[in-house]
Every structure is written in structure tokens, then in C-alpha cells.
Amino acid sequence: CEALWRAKLSPTRKAGTLVKKDGAPTERLVKLVAAVRAVIADA
């Protein structure tokens, strides 16, 4: 919950929308990874 808030992503958003058609990660996925790392480190 905390990581999704930091990344400004809805918990109901489909996971596939964070990946481009060519399989590359979108900027949203990059921000999500950074948010996960940060919230775990802070905790």
C-alpha cells in the first residue's frame, strides 16, 4: 500500500499497463521499483 502511494499508482491498475508493447518497462514501472526499494529501506 505504501509503495503504491509513493509511486502514485492505483492498486487496481492492471499490471500489464506498466510494460510497453515491445516488453520494455514504462516510466511508471521504474518509479514503482524505486518506491518499493525506498519504502522497505525506510521501514
All heavy atoms as atom14 arrays in JSON, in Angstrom:
{
  "sequence": "CEALWRAKLSPTRKAGTLVKKDGAPTERLVKLVAAVRAVIADA",
  "atom14_mask": [
    [1, 1, 1, 1, 1, 1, 0, 0, 0, 0, 0, 0, 0, 0],
    [1, 1, 1, 1, 1, 1, 1, 1, 1, 0, 0, 0, 0, 0],
    [1, 1, 1, 1, 1, 0, 0, 0, 0, 0, 0, 0, 0, 0],
    [1, 1, 1, 1, 1, 1, 1, 1, 0, 0, 0, 0, 0, 0],
    [1, 1, 1, 1, 1, 1, 1, 1, 1, 1, 1, 1, 1, 1],
    [1, 1, 1, 1, 1, 1, 1, 1, 1, 1, 1, 0, 0, 0],
    [1, 1, 1, 1, 1, 0, 0, 0, 0, 0, 0, 0, 0, 0],
    [1, 1, 1, 1, 1, 1, 1, 1, 1, 0, 0, 0, 0, 0],
    [1, 1, 1, 1, 1, 1, 1, 1, 0, 0, 0, 0, 0, 0],
    [1, 1, 1, 1, 1, 1, 0, 0, 0, 0, 0, 0, 0, 0],
    [1, 1, 1, 1, 1, 1, 1, 0, 0, 0, 0, 0, 0, 0],
    [1, 1, 1, 1, 1, 1, 1, 0, 0, 0, 0, 0, 0, 0],
    [1, 1, 1, 1, 1, 1, 1, 1, 1, 1, 1, 0, 0, 0],
    [1, 1, 1, 1, 1, 1, 1, 1, 1, 0, 0, 0, 0, 0],
    [1, 1, 1, 1, 1, 0, 0, 0, 0, 0, 0, 0, 0, 0],
    [1, 1, 1, 1, 0, 0, 0, 0, 0, 0, 0, 0, 0, 0],
    [1, 1, 1, 1, 1, 1, 1, 0, 0, 0, 0, 0, 0, 0],
    [1, 1, 1, 1, 1, 1, 1, 1, 0, 0, 0, 0, 0, 0],
    [1, 1, 1, 1, 1, 1, 1, 0, 0, 0, 0, 0, 0, 0],
    [1, 1, 1, 1, 1, 1, 1, 1, 1, 0, 0, 0, 0, 0],
    [1, 1, 1, 1, 1, 1, 1, 1, 1, 0, 0, 0, 0, 0],
    [1, 1, 1, 1, 1, 1, 1, 1, 0, 0, 0, 0, 0, 0],
    [1, 1, 1, 1, 0, 0, 0, 0, 0, 0, 0, 0, 0, 0],
    [1, 1, 1, 1, 1, 0, 0, 0, 0, 0, 0, 0, 0, 0],
    [1, 1, 1, 1, 1, 1, 1, 0, 0, 0, 0, 0, 0, 0],
    [1, 1, 1, 1, 1, 1, 1, 0, 0, 0, 0, 0, 0, 0],
    [1, 1, 1, 1, 1, 1, 1, 1, 1, 0, 0, 0, 0, 0],
    [1, 1, 1, 1, 1, 1, 1, 1, 1, 1, 1, 0, 0, 0],
    [1, 1, 1, 1, 1, 1, 1, 1, 0, 0, 0, 0, 0, 0],
    [1, 1, 1, 1, 1, 1, 1, 0, 0, 0, 0, 0, 0, 0],
    [1, 1, 1, 1, 1, 1, 1, 1, 1, 0, 0, 0, 0, 0],
    [1, 1, 1, 1, 1, 1, 1, 1, 0, 0, 0, 0, 0, 0],
    [1, 1, 1, 1, 1, 1, 1, 0, 0, 0, 0, 0, 0, 0],
    [1, 1, 1, 1, 1, 0, 0, 0, 0, 0, 0, 0, 0, 0],
    [1, 1, 1, 1, 1, 0, 0, 0, 0, 0, 0, 0, 0, 0],
    [1, 1, 1, 1, 1, 1, 1, 0, 0, 0, 0, 0, 0, 0],
    [1, 1, 1, 1, 1, 1, 1, 1, 1, 1, 1, 0, 0, 0],
    [1, 1, 1, 1, 1, 0, 0, 0, 0, 0, 0, 0, 0, 0],
    [1, 1, 1, 1, 1, 1, 1, 0, 0, 0, 0, 0, 0, 0],
    [1, 1, 1, 1, 1, 1, 1, 1, 0, 0, 0, 0, 0, 0],
    [1, 1, 1, 1, 1, 0, 0, 0, 0, 0, 0, 0, 0, 0],
    [1, 1, 1, 1, 1, 1, 1, 1, 0, 0, 0, 0, 0, 0],
    [1, 1, 1, 1, 1, 0, 0, 0, 0, 0, 0, 0, 0, 0]
  ],
  "atom14_positions": [
    [[0.83, -1.22, 0.0], [0.0, 0.0, 0.0], [0.86, 1.25, 0.0], [0.61, 2.21, -0.75], [-0.92, 0.01, 1.22], [-2.25, -1.22, 1.19], [0.0, 0.0, 0.0], [0.0, 0.0, 0.0], [0.0, 0.0, 0.0], [0.0, 0.0, 0.0], [0.0, 0.0, 0.0], [0.0, 0.0, 0.0], [0.0, 0.0, 0.0], [0.0, 0.0, 0.0]],
    [[1.89, 1.27, 0.84], [2.73, 2.45, 0.96], [3.56, 2.68, -0.3], [3.74, 3.82, -0.74], [3.65, 2.31, 2.17], [2.92, 2.36, 3.51], [2.27, 3.71, 3.76], [2.97, 4.74, 3.62], [1.07, 3.74, 4.09], [0.0, 0.0, 0.0], [0.0, 0.0, 0.0], [0.0, 0.0, 0.0], [0.0, 0.0, 0.0], [0.0, 0.0, 0.0]],
    [[4.07, 1.61, -0.92], [4.87, 1.76, -2.14], [4.01, 2.26, -3.3], [4.45, 3.12, -4.08], [5.52, 0.43, -2.5], [0.0, 0.0, 0.0], [0.0, 0.0, 0.0], [0.0, 0.0, 0.0], [0.0, 0.0, 0.0], [0.0, 0.0, 0.0], [0.0, 0.0, 0.0], [0.0, 0.0, 0.0], [0.0, 0.0, 0.0], [0.0, 0.0, 0.0]],
    [[2.8, 1.75, -3.42], [1.92, 2.21, -4.49], [1.57, 3.69, -4.33], [1.48, 4.43, -5.32], [0.65, 1.36, -4.54], [0.82, -0.06, -5.1], [-0.44, -0.88, -4.88], [1.16, -0.01, -6.59], [0.0, 0.0, 0.0], [0.0, 0.0, 0.0], [0.0, 0.0, 0.0], [0.0, 0.0, 0.0], [0.0, 0.0, 0.0], [0.0, 0.0, 0.0]],
    [[1.4, 4.12, -3.08], [1.13, 5.54, -2.87], [2.33, 6.39, -3.28], [2.18, 7.41, -3.95], [0.79, 5.81, -1.4], [0.51, 7.26, -1.13], [-0.65, 7.94, -1.34], [1.45, 8.22, -0.63], [-0.51, 9.27, -1.0], [0.78, 9.47, -0.56], [2.78, 8.15, -0.23], [1.4, 10.63, -0.11], [3.4, 9.31, 0.22], [2.72, 10.54, 0.28]],
    [[3.52, 5.96, -2.91], [4.71, 6.72, -3.27], [4.9, 6.79, -4.78], [5.4, 7.79, -5.3], [5.95, 6.09, -2.62], [5.98, 6.2, -1.09], [7.34, 5.8, -0.55], [7.37, 5.84, 0.91], [8.5, 5.88, 1.63], [9.67, 5.91, 1.01], [8.45, 5.9, 2.94], [0.0, 0.0, 0.0], [0.0, 0.0, 0.0], [0.0, 0.0, 0.0]],
    [[4.52, 5.73, -5.47], [4.67, 5.69, -6.92], [3.49, 6.34, -7.65], [3.5, 6.42, -8.88], [4.83, 4.25, -7.39], [0.0, 0.0, 0.0], [0.0, 0.0, 0.0], [0.0, 0.0, 0.0], [0.0, 0.0, 0.0], [0.0, 0.0, 0.0], [0.0, 0.0, 0.0], [0.0, 0.0, 0.0], [0.0, 0.0, 0.0], [0.0, 0.0, 0.0]],
    [[2.48, 6.79, -6.91], [1.27, 7.42, -7.46], [0.53, 6.48, -8.4], [0.01, 6.89, -9.44], [1.63, 8.73, -8.19], [2.23, 9.8, -7.3], [2.48, 11.09, -8.07], [3.07, 12.17, -7.18], [3.29, 13.45, -7.92], [0.0, 0.0, 0.0], [0.0, 0.0, 0.0], [0.0, 0.0, 0.0], [0.0, 0.0, 0.0], [0.0, 0.0, 0.0]],
    [[0.48, 5.2, -8.01], [-0.19, 4.2, -8.83], [-1.38, 3.6, -8.08], [-1.28, 3.27, -6.9], [0.78, 3.08, -9.2], [1.92, 3.47, -10.15], [2.93, 2.34, -10.26], [1.37, 3.84, -11.52], [0.0, 0.0, 0.0], [0.0, 0.0, 0.0], [0.0, 0.0, 0.0], [0.0, 0.0, 0.0], [0.0, 0.0, 0.0], [0.0, 0.0, 0.0]],
    [[-2.48, 3.45, -8.78], [-3.67, 2.86, -8.18], [-3.46, 1.37, -7.94], [-2.9, 0.67, -8.8], [-4.88, 3.06, -9.08], [-5.97, 2.29, -8.63], [0.0, 0.0, 0.0], [0.0, 0.0, 0.0], [0.0, 0.0, 0.0], [0.0, 0.0, 0.0], [0.0, 0.0, 0.0], [0.0, 0.0, 0.0], [0.0, 0.0, 0.0], [0.0, 0.0, 0.0]],
    [[-3.91, 0.85, -6.81], [-3.79, -0.59, -6.55], [-4.65, -1.42, -7.48], [-4.41, -2.63, -7.63], [-4.27, -0.73, -5.09], [-5.13, 0.48, -4.87], [-4.52, 1.57, -5.68], [0.0, 0.0, 0.0], [0.0, 0.0, 0.0], [0.0, 0.0, 0.0], [0.0, 0.0, 0.0], [0.0, 0.0, 0.0], [0.0, 0.0, 0.0], [0.0, 0.0, 0.0]],
    [[-5.61, -0.81, -8.15], [-6.48, -1.54, -9.07], [-6.01, -1.48, -10.52], [-6.58, -2.14, -11.38], [-7.92, -0.97, -9.0], [-7.92, 0.39, -9.43], [-8.48, -1.05, -7.59], [0.0, 0.0, 0.0], [0.0, 0.0, 0.0], [0.0, 0.0, 0.0], [0.0, 0.0, 0.0], [0.0, 0.0, 0.0], [0.0, 0.0, 0.0], [0.0, 0.0, 0.0]],
    [[-4.97, -0.72, -10.77], [-4.44, -0.62, -12.15], [-3.92, -1.99, -12.59], [-3.29, -2.73, -11.84], [-3.31, 0.41, -12.19], [-2.56, 0.42, -13.52], [-1.37, 1.37, -13.49], [-1.8, 2.73, -13.76], [-1.93, 3.25, -14.97], [-1.67, 2.5, -16.03], [-2.31, 4.49, -15.13], [0.0, 0.0, 0.0], [0.0, 0.0, 0.0], [0.0, 0.0, 0.0]],
    [[-4.15, -2.34, -13.85], [-3.66, -3.6, -14.39], [-2.14, -3.58, -14.49], [-1.54, -2.62, -14.97], [-4.28, -3.87, -15.77], [-5.78, -4.11, -15.73], [-6.32, -4.38, -17.12], [-7.82, -4.61, -17.09], [-8.36, -4.87, -18.46], [0.0, 0.0, 0.0], [0.0, 0.0, 0.0], [0.0, 0.0, 0.0], [0.0, 0.0, 0.0], [0.0, 0.0, 0.0]],
    [[-1.52, -4.66, -14.05], [-0.06, -4.72, -14.04], [0.52, -4.56, -15.43], [1.59, -3.94, -15.61], [0.4, -6.04, -13.42], [0.0, 0.0, 0.0], [0.0, 0.0, 0.0], [0.0, 0.0, 0.0], [0.0, 0.0, 0.0], [0.0, 0.0, 0.0], [0.0, 0.0, 0.0], [0.0, 0.0, 0.0], [0.0, 0.0, 0.0], [0.0, 0.0, 0.0]],
    [[-0.15, -5.1, -16.43], [0.36, -5.04, -17.79], [0.5, -3.65, -18.35], [1.25, -3.43, -19.32], [0.0, 0.0, 0.0], [0.0, 0.0, 0.0], [0.0, 0.0, 0.0], [0.0, 0.0, 0.0], [0.0, 0.0, 0.0], [0.0, 0.0, 0.0], [0.0, 0.0, 0.0], [0.0, 0.0, 0.0], [0.0, 0.0, 0.0], [0.0, 0.0, 0.0]],
    [[-0.2, -2.67, -17.77], [-0.11, -1.3, -18.28], [1.23, -0.65, -17.93], [1.5, 0.46, -18.39], [-1.25, -0.44, -17.72], [-1.14, -0.35, -16.29], [-2.6, -1.03, -18.08], [0.0, 0.0, 0.0], [0.0, 0.0, 0.0], [0.0, 0.0, 0.0], [0.0, 0.0, 0.0], [0.0, 0.0, 0.0], [0.0, 0.0, 0.0], [0.0, 0.0, 0.0]],
    [[2.05, -1.3, -17.13], [3.36, -0.75, -16.77], [4.47, -1.26, -17.69], [5.65, -1.03, -17.44], [3.7, -1.1, -15.31], [3.21, -0.08, -14.25], [1.71, 0.04, -14.26], [3.7, -0.49, -12.86], [0.0, 0.0, 0.0], [0.0, 0.0, 0.0], [0.0, 0.0, 0.0], [0.0, 0.0, 0.0], [0.0, 0.0, 0.0], [0.0, 0.0, 0.0]],
    [[4.06, -1.96, -18.75], [5.04, -2.51, -19.7], [4.64, -2.09, -21.12], [3.47, -2.16, -21.49], [5.1, -4.05, -19.6], [6.14, -4.6, -20.58], [5.41, -4.48, -18.18], [0.0, 0.0, 0.0], [0.0, 0.0, 0.0], [0.0, 0.0, 0.0], [0.0, 0.0, 0.0], [0.0, 0.0, 0.0], [0.0, 0.0, 0.0], [0.0, 0.0, 0.0]],
    [[5.61, -1.64, -21.89], [5.36, -1.23, -23.28], [5.09, -2.44, -24.17], [5.37, -3.58, -23.8], [6.56, -0.44, -23.81], [6.86, 0.84, -23.05], [8.11, 1.51, -23.59], [8.46, 2.75, -22.79], [9.7, 3.41, -23.28], [0.0, 0.0, 0.0], [0.0, 0.0, 0.0], [0.0, 0.0, 0.0], [0.0, 0.0, 0.0], [0.0, 0.0, 0.0]],
    [[4.6, -2.19, -25.37], [4.28, -3.27, -26.3], [5.51, -4.09, -26.67], [5.41, -5.28, -26.97], [3.61, -2.69, -27.56], [2.22, -2.15, -27.31], [1.59, -1.67, -28.61], [0.17, -1.15, -28.36], [-0.47, -0.67, -29.62], [0.0, 0.0, 0.0], [0.0, 0.0, 0.0], [0.0, 0.0, 0.0], [0.0, 0.0, 0.0], [0.0, 0.0, 0.0]],
    [[6.67, -3.43, -26.67], [7.9, -4.15, -27.03], [8.51, -4.88, -25.83], [9.6, -5.46, -25.93], [8.93, -3.2, -27.64], [9.39, -2.11, -26.67], [8.92, -2.09, -25.51], [10.23, -1.28, -27.08], [0.0, 0.0, 0.0], [0.0, 0.0, 0.0], [0.0, 0.0, 0.0], [0.0, 0.0, 0.0], [0.0, 0.0, 0.0], [0.0, 0.0, 0.0]],
    [[7.83, -4.85, -24.67], [8.31, -5.55, -23.49], [9.17, -4.73, -22.56], [9.57, -5.2, -21.49], [0.0, 0.0, 0.0], [0.0, 0.0, 0.0], [0.0, 0.0, 0.0], [0.0, 0.0, 0.0], [0.0, 0.0, 0.0], [0.0, 0.0, 0.0], [0.0, 0.0, 0.0], [0.0, 0.0, 0.0], [0.0, 0.0, 0.0], [0.0, 0.0, 0.0]],
    [[9.47, -3.51, -22.95], [10.3, -2.64, -22.11], [9.45, -2.03, -20.98], [8.25, -1.81, -21.14], [10.93, -1.53, -22.94], [0.0, 0.0, 0.0], [0.0, 0.0, 0.0], [0.0, 0.0, 0.0], [0.0, 0.0, 0.0], [0.0, 0.0, 0.0], [0.0, 0.0, 0.0], [0.0, 0.0, 0.0], [0.0, 0.0, 0.0], [0.0, 0.0, 0.0]],
    [[10.07, -1.75, -19.84], [9.32, -1.15, -18.74], [8.98, 0.31, -19.03], [9.75, 1.02, -19.66], [10.28, -1.25, -17.55], [11.64, -1.28, -18.17], [11.47, -2.03, -19.47], [0.0, 0.0, 0.0], [0.0, 0.0, 0.0], [0.0, 0.0, 0.0], [0.0, 0.0, 0.0], [0.0, 0.0, 0.0], [0.0, 0.0, 0.0], [0.0, 0.0, 0.0]],
    [[7.81, 0.74, -18.58], [7.45, 2.14, -18.69], [8.07, 2.92, -17.54], [8.61, 2.34, -16.59], [5.92, 2.32, -18.63], [5.47, 1.92, -17.32], [5.23, 1.48, -19.69], [0.0, 0.0, 0.0], [0.0, 0.0, 0.0], [0.0, 0.0, 0.0], [0.0, 0.0, 0.0], [0.0, 0.0, 0.0], [0.0, 0.0, 0.0], [0.0, 0.0, 0.0]],
    [[7.96, 4.24, -17.61], [8.47, 5.07, -16.52], [7.72, 4.78, -15.23], [8.29, 4.9, -14.14], [8.33, 6.55, -16.9], [8.95, 7.51, -15.89], [10.45, 7.32, -15.73], [11.1, 6.85, -16.69], [10.97, 7.64, -14.64], [0.0, 0.0, 0.0], [0.0, 0.0, 0.0], [0.0, 0.0, 0.0], [0.0, 0.0, 0.0], [0.0, 0.0, 0.0]],
    [[6.46, 4.39, -15.33], [5.69, 4.05, -14.13], [6.31, 2.86, -13.4], [6.37, 2.84, -12.17], [4.23, 3.73, -14.52], [3.38, 4.93, -14.88], [1.92, 4.51, -14.99], [1.04, 5.64, -15.25], [0.57, 5.95, -16.44], [0.91, 5.21, -17.5], [-0.24, 6.98, -16.6], [0.0, 0.0, 0.0], [0.0, 0.0, 0.0], [0.0, 0.0, 0.0]],
    [[6.76, 1.87, -14.15], [7.36, 0.7, -13.52], [8.7, 1.06, -12.89], [9.05, 0.57, -11.82], [7.55, -0.44, -14.54], [8.08, -1.77, -13.99], [7.26, -2.24, -12.79], [8.09, -2.84, -15.09], [0.0, 0.0, 0.0], [0.0, 0.0, 0.0], [0.0, 0.0, 0.0], [0.0, 0.0, 0.0], [0.0, 0.0, 0.0], [0.0, 0.0, 0.0]],
    [[9.46, 1.92, -13.54], [10.72, 2.39, -12.97], [10.47, 3.08, -11.63], [11.17, 2.84, -10.64], [11.44, 3.35, -13.95], [12.67, 3.97, -13.28], [11.84, 2.61, -15.22], [0.0, 0.0, 0.0], [0.0, 0.0, 0.0], [0.0, 0.0, 0.0], [0.0, 0.0, 0.0], [0.0, 0.0, 0.0], [0.0, 0.0, 0.0], [0.0, 0.0, 0.0]],
    [[9.44, 3.94, -11.59], [9.11, 4.65, -10.35], [8.6, 3.69, -9.28], [8.87, 3.88, -8.09], [8.07, 5.72, -10.64], [8.62, 6.9, -11.45], [7.54, 7.96, -11.68], [8.1, 9.15, -12.45], [7.06, 10.18, -12.7], [0.0, 0.0, 0.0], [0.0, 0.0, 0.0], [0.0, 0.0, 0.0], [0.0, 0.0, 0.0], [0.0, 0.0, 0.0]],
    [[7.87, 2.66, -9.7], [7.37, 1.69, -8.73], [8.52, 0.93, -8.06], [8.51, 0.73, -6.85], [6.41, 0.71, -9.42], [5.85, -0.41, -8.53], [5.1, 0.16, -7.33], [4.97, -1.34, -9.34], [0.0, 0.0, 0.0], [0.0, 0.0, 0.0], [0.0, 0.0, 0.0], [0.0, 0.0, 0.0], [0.0, 0.0, 0.0], [0.0, 0.0, 0.0]],
    [[9.49, 0.5, -8.85], [10.64, -0.2, -8.28], [11.37, 0.7, -7.28], [11.73, 0.26, -6.18], [11.61, -0.66, -9.4], [12.93, -1.15, -8.81], [10.96, -1.77, -10.22], [0.0, 0.0, 0.0], [0.0, 0.0, 0.0], [0.0, 0.0, 0.0], [0.0, 0.0, 0.0], [0.0, 0.0, 0.0], [0.0, 0.0, 0.0], [0.0, 0.0, 0.0]],
    [[11.56, 1.96, -7.64], [12.22, 2.89, -6.73], [11.4, 3.07, -5.45], [11.96, 3.16, -4.35], [12.41, 4.24, -7.42], [0.0, 0.0, 0.0], [0.0, 0.0, 0.0], [0.0, 0.0, 0.0], [0.0, 0.0, 0.0], [0.0, 0.0, 0.0], [0.0, 0.0, 0.0], [0.0, 0.0, 0.0], [0.0, 0.0, 0.0], [0.0, 0.0, 0.0]],
    [[10.07, 3.1, -5.58], [9.21, 3.26, -4.41], [9.28, 2.05, -3.5], [9.32, 2.18, -2.27], [7.77, 3.5, -4.86], [0.0, 0.0, 0.0], [0.0, 0.0, 0.0], [0.0, 0.0, 0.0], [0.0, 0.0, 0.0], [0.0, 0.0, 0.0], [0.0, 0.0, 0.0], [0.0, 0.0, 0.0], [0.0, 0.0, 0.0], [0.0, 0.0, 0.0]],
    [[9.3, 0.86, -4.08], [9.4, -0.37, -3.28], [10.71, -0.37, -2.5], [10.74, -0.63, -1.29], [9.31, -1.62, -4.18], [9.71, -2.88, -3.4], [7.9, -1.78, -4.74], [0.0, 0.0, 0.0], [0.0, 0.0, 0.0], [0.0, 0.0, 0.0], [0.0, 0.0, 0.0], [0.0, 0.0, 0.0], [0.0, 0.0, 0.0], [0.0, 0.0, 0.0]],
    [[11.8, -0.07, -3.19], [13.11, -0.04, -2.52], [13.11, 0.99, -1.38], [13.6, 0.72, -0.29], [14.2, 0.32, -3.53], [14.57, -0.79, -4.49], [15.71, -0.31, -5.39], [16.2, -1.35, -6.25], [17.09, -2.26, -5.89], [17.56, -2.26, -4.65], [17.51, -3.17, -6.75], [0.0, 0.0, 0.0], [0.0, 0.0, 0.0], [0.0, 0.0, 0.0]],
    [[12.56, 2.16, -1.65], [12.61, 3.25, -0.67], [11.76, 2.94, 0.56], [12.19, 3.18, 1.69], [12.14, 4.55, -1.32], [0.0, 0.0, 0.0], [0.0, 0.0, 0.0], [0.0, 0.0, 0.0], [0.0, 0.0, 0.0], [0.0, 0.0, 0.0], [0.0, 0.0, 0.0], [0.0, 0.0, 0.0], [0.0, 0.0, 0.0], [0.0, 0.0, 0.0]],
    [[10.56, 2.41, 0.35], [9.69, 2.16, 1.5], [10.25, 1.04, 2.37], [10.16, 1.11, 3.61], [8.24, 1.86, 1.04], [8.09, 0.44, 0.51], [7.27, 2.08, 2.18], [0.0, 0.0, 0.0], [0.0, 0.0, 0.0], [0.0, 0.0, 0.0], [0.0, 0.0, 0.0], [0.0, 0.0, 0.0], [0.0, 0.0, 0.0], [0.0, 0.0, 0.0]],
    [[10.86, 0.03, 1.76], [11.47, -1.03, 2.55], [12.67, -0.5, 3.33], [12.85, -0.78, 4.52], [11.91, -2.2, 1.64], [10.68, -2.89, 1.04], [12.74, -3.21, 2.43], [9.76, -3.55, 2.03], [0.0, 0.0, 0.0], [0.0, 0.0, 0.0], [0.0, 0.0, 0.0], [0.0, 0.0, 0.0], [0.0, 0.0, 0.0], [0.0, 0.0, 0.0]],
    [[13.51, 0.3, 2.67], [14.68, 0.87, 3.34], [14.26, 1.77, 4.5], [14.85, 1.72, 5.59], [15.53, 1.66, 2.34], [0.0, 0.0, 0.0], [0.0, 0.0, 0.0], [0.0, 0.0, 0.0], [0.0, 0.0, 0.0], [0.0, 0.0, 0.0], [0.0, 0.0, 0.0], [0.0, 0.0, 0.0], [0.0, 0.0, 0.0], [0.0, 0.0, 0.0]],
    [[13.24, 2.6, 4.3], [12.77, 3.49, 5.36], [12.2, 2.7, 6.53], [12.39, 3.06, 7.7], [11.71, 4.46, 4.82], [12.3, 5.51, 3.89], [13.53, 5.63, 3.84], [11.51, 6.21, 3.22], [0.0, 0.0, 0.0], [0.0, 0.0, 0.0], [0.0, 0.0, 0.0], [0.0, 0.0, 0.0], [0.0, 0.0, 0.0], [0.0, 0.0, 0.0]],
    [[11.47, 1.61, 6.21], [10.86, 0.81, 7.27], [11.93, 0.08, 8.08], [11.84, 0.0, 9.31], [9.88, -0.19, 6.67], [0.0, 0.0, 0.0], [0.0, 0.0, 0.0], [0.0, 0.0, 0.0], [0.0, 0.0, 0.0], [0.0, 0.0, 0.0], [0.0, 0.0, 0.0], [0.0, 0.0, 0.0], [0.0, 0.0, 0.0], [0.0, 0.0, 0.0]]
  ]
}
